[in-house]
Amino acid sequence: MGFDGFVIHHSVCEQKPKTESWDFIIKQDSSVIASPVLKDSELIHICLEGDFNKDYDAMNLEQKMQLFTASKIISELSRLYSISPLFLFPHSETCPGAYFPWNVLVIYPVDGYH
């Protein structure tokens, strides 16, 4: 199975897709609900619970932990399915938002740093 990348959602999206379309939901306490099977043959969908349309510095500790959890999931799935961790796509123009801190999600596999 070849994937083209990851789609990032947040749960306050105005164009809410059905939650059944998400492969991973990262709850506010950073726990993860994983779908038993990946649902899209081209993209892996990850949803962060809450509003992530804000600058990283404006986020609370729980949101920062959710982003860390998402980065670890992306890193592991990138390795498992040979996907570049740089292939991250927003769900829409407003989801997860214009101020979403994309660079926080990227862990470069070579050196393990953001």
C-alpha atoms as a PDB file:
ATOM      1  CA  MET A   1       0.000   0.000   0.000  1.00  0.00           C
ATOM      2  CA  GLY A   2       1.530   3.337  -1.056  1.00  0.00           C
ATOM      3  CA  PHE A   3       0.483   6.535   0.684  1.00  0.00           C
ATOM      4  CA  ASP A   4       1.056  10.062  -0.608  1.00  0.00           C
ATOM      5  CA  GLY A   5       1.193  11.754   2.786  1.00  0.00           C
ATOM      6  CA  PHE A   6      -0.793  12.922   5.793  1.00  0.00           C
ATOM      7  CA  VAL A   7      -3.873  15.119   6.085  1.00  0.00           C
ATOM      8  CA  ILE A   8      -4.103  17.108   9.306  1.00  0.00           C
ATOM      9  CA  HIS A   9      -7.498  18.043  10.752  1.00  0.00           C
ATOM     10  CA  HIS A  10      -8.674  19.689  13.933  1.00  0.00           C
ATOM     11  CA  SER A  11     -12.009  18.875  15.489  1.00  0.00           C
ATOM     12  CA  VAL A  12     -13.448  22.413  15.324  1.00  0.00           C
ATOM     13  CA  CYS A  13     -13.417  22.362  11.523  1.00  0.00           C
ATOM     14  CA  GLU A  14     -16.391  24.103   9.940  1.00  0.00           C
ATOM     15  CA  GLN A  15     -16.476  21.449   7.197  1.00  0.00           C
ATOM     16  CA  LYS A  16     -16.491  18.564   9.612  1.00  0.00           C
ATOM     17  CA  PRO A  17     -15.959  15.288   7.865  1.00  0.00           C
ATOM     18  CA  LYS A  18     -17.400  12.244   9.495  1.00  0.00           C
ATOM     19  CA  THR A  19     -15.180  11.130  12.359  1.00  0.00           C
ATOM     20  CA  GLU A  20     -15.184   7.717  10.719  1.00  0.00           C
ATOM     21  CA  SER A  21     -12.907   9.165   8.030  1.00  0.00           C
ATOM     22  CA  TRP A  22     -10.083   9.869  10.487  1.00  0.00           C
ATOM     23  CA  ASP A  23      -7.402   7.227  10.931  1.00  0.00           C
ATOM     24  CA  PHE A  24      -6.063   8.705  14.174  1.00  0.00           C
ATOM     25  CA  ILE A  25      -7.697  11.039  16.686  1.00  0.00           C
ATOM     26  CA  ILE A  26      -5.393  12.661  19.216  1.00  0.00           C
ATOM     27  CA  LYS A  27      -7.511  13.574  22.226  1.00  0.00           C
ATOM     28  CA  GLN A  28      -6.906  16.632  24.413  1.00  0.00           C
ATOM     29  CA  ASP A  29      -5.108  14.448  26.974  1.00  0.00           C
ATOM     30  CA  SER A  30      -2.828  13.183  24.127  1.00  0.00           C
ATOM     31  CA  SER A  31      -4.358   9.722  24.168  1.00  0.00           C
ATOM     32  CA  VAL A  32      -4.844   8.295  20.699  1.00  0.00           C
ATOM     33  CA  ILE A  33      -7.810   6.577  19.130  1.00  0.00           C
ATOM     34  CA  ALA A  34      -6.634   4.600  16.128  1.00  0.00           C
ATOM     35  CA  SER A  35      -8.820   3.160  13.443  1.00  0.00           C
ATOM     36  CA  PRO A  36      -8.371  -0.609  13.076  1.00  0.00           C
ATOM     37  CA  VAL A  37      -7.651  -0.080   9.359  1.00  0.00           C
ATOM     38  CA  LEU A  38      -6.421   2.893   7.355  1.00  0.00           C
ATOM     39  CA  LYS A  39      -9.454   4.159   5.486  1.00  0.00           C
ATOM     40  CA  ASP A  40      -8.038   6.137   2.555  1.00  0.00           C
ATOM     41  CA  SER A  41      -5.802   4.388   0.036  1.00  0.00           C
ATOM     42  CA  GLU A  42      -3.789   7.563  -0.673  1.00  0.00           C
ATOM     43  CA  LEU A  43      -3.621   9.665   2.515  1.00  0.00           C
ATOM     44  CA  ILE A  44      -3.492   9.059   6.257  1.00  0.00           C
ATOM     45  CA  HIS A  45      -5.877  11.337   8.185  1.00  0.00           C
ATOM     46  CA  ILE A  46      -4.932  12.616  11.640  1.00  0.00           C
ATOM     47  CA  CYS A  47      -7.301  14.758  13.729  1.00  0.00           C
ATOM     48  CA  LEU A  48      -6.263  16.851  16.718  1.00  0.00           C
ATOM     49  CA  GLU A  49      -9.083  17.419  19.202  1.00  0.00           C
ATOM     50  CA  GLY A  50      -9.616  21.142  19.739  1.00  0.00           C
ATOM     51  CA  ASP A  51      -8.795  24.407  17.969  1.00  0.00           C
ATOM     52  CA  PHE A  52      -5.315  24.531  16.422  1.00  0.00           C
ATOM     53  CA  ASN A  53      -5.720  27.679  14.352  1.00  0.00           C
ATOM     54  CA  LYS A  54      -3.236  29.576  16.521  1.00  0.00           C
ATOM     55  CA  ASP A  55       0.443  30.262  16.846  1.00  0.00           C
ATOM     56  CA  TYR A  56       2.443  27.639  18.757  1.00  0.00           C
ATOM     57  CA  ASP A  57       3.344  30.139  21.492  1.00  0.00           C
ATOM     58  CA  ALA A  58      -0.375  30.787  22.113  1.00  0.00           C
ATOM     59  CA  MET A  59      -1.109  27.082  22.660  1.00  0.00           C
ATOM     60  CA  ASN A  60      -1.442  25.539  26.096  1.00  0.00           C
ATOM     61  CA  LEU A  61       0.681  22.628  27.291  1.00  0.00           C
ATOM     62  CA  GLU A  62      -1.984  20.050  26.389  1.00  0.00           C
ATOM     63  CA  GLN A  63      -2.103  21.264  22.780  1.00  0.00           C
ATOM     64  CA  LYS A  64       1.684  21.200  22.534  1.00  0.00           C
ATOM     65  CA  MET A  65       1.631  17.618  23.822  1.00  0.00           C
ATOM     66  CA  GLN A  66      -0.987  16.733  21.183  1.00  0.00           C
ATOM     67  CA  LEU A  67       1.319  18.131  18.489  1.00  0.00           C
ATOM     68  CA  PHE A  68       4.214  16.113  19.914  1.00  0.00           C
ATOM     69  CA  THR A  69       2.077  12.971  19.836  1.00  0.00           C
ATOM     70  CA  ALA A  70       1.084  13.713  16.236  1.00  0.00           C
ATOM     71  CA  SER A  71       4.732  14.185  15.258  1.00  0.00           C
ATOM     72  CA  LYS A  72       5.625  10.800  16.757  1.00  0.00           C
ATOM     73  CA  ILE A  73       2.744   9.113  14.897  1.00  0.00           C
ATOM     74  CA  ILE A  74       3.806  10.780  11.638  1.00  0.00           C
ATOM     75  CA  SER A  75       7.423   9.770  12.207  1.00  0.00           C
ATOM     76  CA  GLU A  76       6.536   6.131  12.854  1.00  0.00           C
ATOM     77  CA  LEU A  77       4.062   5.870   9.958  1.00  0.00           C
ATOM     78  CA  SER A  78       6.579   7.556   7.664  1.00  0.00           C
ATOM     79  CA  ARG A  79       9.098   4.866   8.518  1.00  0.00           C
ATOM     80  CA  LEU A  80       6.567   2.041   8.315  1.00  0.00           C
ATOM     81  CA  TYR A  81       5.075   3.057   4.950  1.00  0.00           C
ATOM     82  CA  SER A  82       8.096   4.830   3.394  1.00  0.00           C
ATOM     83  CA  ILE A  83       6.364   8.220   3.279  1.00  0.00           C
ATOM     84  CA  SER A  84       8.299  11.443   3.625  1.00  0.00           C
ATOM     85  CA  PRO A  85       7.311  13.103   6.926  1.00  0.00           C
ATOM     86  CA  LEU A  86       7.307  16.364   4.981  1.00  0.00           C
ATOM     87  CA  PHE A  87       4.199  15.392   2.980  1.00  0.00           C
ATOM     88  CA  LEU A  88       1.718  17.102   5.318  1.00  0.00           C
ATOM     89  CA  PHE A  89      -1.482  18.597   3.942  1.00  0.00           C
ATOM     90  CA  PRO A  90      -4.253  20.645   5.543  1.00  0.00           C
ATOM     91  CA  HIS A  91      -7.787  19.284   5.391  1.00  0.00           C
ATOM     92  CA  SER A  92      -8.949  22.609   3.906  1.00  0.00           C
ATOM     93  CA  GLU A  93      -8.048  26.286   3.798  1.00  0.00           C
ATOM     94  CA  THR A  94      -9.529  26.751   7.273  1.00  0.00           C
ATOM     95  CA  CYS A  95      -8.628  23.392   8.798  1.00  0.00           C
ATOM     96  CA  PRO A  96      -6.435  23.157  10.785  1.00  0.00           C
ATOM     97  CA  GLY A  97      -6.049  26.884  10.147  1.00  0.00           C
ATOM     98  CA  ALA A  98      -3.825  29.586   8.726  1.00  0.00           C
ATOM     99  CA  TYR A  99      -1.792  29.783  11.948  1.00  0.00           C
ATOM    100  CA  PHE A 100      -1.256  26.059  12.423  1.00  0.00           C
ATOM    101  CA  PRO A 101       2.423  25.458  13.378  1.00  0.00           C
ATOM    102  CA  TRP A 102       3.358  23.001  10.620  1.00  0.00           C
ATOM    103  CA  ASN A 103       7.067  23.052  11.422  1.00  0.00           C
ATOM    104  CA  VAL A 104       6.378  21.593  14.885  1.00  0.00           C
ATOM    105  CA  LEU A 105       5.039  18.378  13.327  1.00  0.00           C
ATOM    106  CA  VAL A 106       8.165  17.617  11.339  1.00  0.00           C
ATOM    107  CA  ILE A 107      10.789  15.391  12.889  1.00  0.00           C
ATOM    108  CA  TYR A 108      13.561  14.871  10.400  1.00  0.00           C
ATOM    109  CA  PRO A 109      14.450  11.175  10.310  1.00  0.00           C
ATOM    110  CA  VAL A 110      18.160  11.781   9.750  1.00  0.00           C
ATOM    111  CA  ASP A 111      18.903  13.529  13.026  1.00  0.00           C
ATOM    112  CA  GLY A 112      15.652  13.214  14.970  1.00  0.00           C
ATOM    113  CA  TYR A 113      15.308  16.977  15.482  1.00  0.00           C
ATOM    114  CA  HIS A 114      12.536  19.367  14.499  1.00  0.00           C
END
